[in-house]
Amino acid sequence: MSQHPSFGSGGKIIAKKSVLPRFDRIQLLKRKGKWKEGDSVFGLPKTKPE
């Protein structure tokens, strides 16, 4: 039996992520002055990579 083409991973275009992970979001918000130590790490605003 052969595999369905949708299961293949070779030669595919990898899309860029549109939202940063939590650690990177905190760093970006610190630089912008919108987050300080002691603030909650949950419910952060979504930020796009620069």
Protein backbone atom coordinates (compact mmCIF):
# COMPACT_ATOMS: atom_id res chain seq x y z
CA MET A 1 0.00 0.00 0.00
CA SER A 2 1.18 3.52 -0.70
CA GLN A 3 0.82 6.55 1.55
CA HIS A 4 -1.56 9.37 0.79
CA PRO A 5 0.28 12.48 -0.54
CA SER A 6 -1.00 14.60 2.36
CA PHE A 7 1.22 12.62 4.75
CA GLY A 8 4.40 13.61 2.92
CA SER A 9 6.73 16.16 4.44
CA GLY A 10 9.45 16.61 1.85
CA GLY A 11 9.67 19.71 -0.30
CA LYS A 12 6.87 21.62 1.41
CA ILE A 13 6.96 25.35 2.00
CA ILE A 14 7.15 26.14 5.70
CA ALA A 15 5.00 29.12 6.69
CA LYS A 16 6.35 31.76 9.05
CA LYS A 17 4.66 31.90 12.43
CA SER A 18 2.47 34.93 12.85
CA VAL A 19 2.55 35.01 16.69
CA LEU A 20 5.56 34.70 18.99
CA PRO A 21 5.86 32.18 21.84
CA ARG A 22 5.23 33.42 25.39
CA PHE A 23 8.91 33.93 26.30
CA ASP A 24 9.56 36.03 23.19
CA ARG A 25 6.33 38.02 23.71
CA ILE A 26 7.42 38.94 27.25
CA GLN A 27 10.80 40.14 26.01
CA LEU A 28 9.16 42.27 23.30
CA LEU A 29 6.61 43.74 25.73
CA LYS A 30 9.41 44.55 28.22
CA ARG A 31 11.25 46.50 25.51
CA LYS A 32 8.07 48.43 24.72
CA GLY A 33 7.41 49.07 28.43
CA LYS A 34 4.06 47.25 28.44
CA TRP A 35 5.08 44.44 30.84
CA LYS A 36 7.01 44.52 34.10
CA GLU A 37 8.23 41.95 36.59
CA GLY A 38 5.39 40.58 38.67
CA ASP A 39 2.76 40.92 35.93
CA SER A 40 0.91 37.76 34.95
CA VAL A 41 2.39 35.69 32.12
CA PHE A 42 -1.10 34.51 31.20
CA GLY A 43 -3.41 36.47 28.90
CA LEU A 44 -0.61 38.33 27.14
CA PRO A 45 -1.57 40.28 24.03
CA LYS A 46 -0.63 38.67 20.73
CA THR A 47 2.47 40.21 19.17
CA LYS A 48 3.84 39.81 15.68
CA PRO A 49 7.54 39.16 15.08
CA GLU A 50 9.47 42.28 14.18
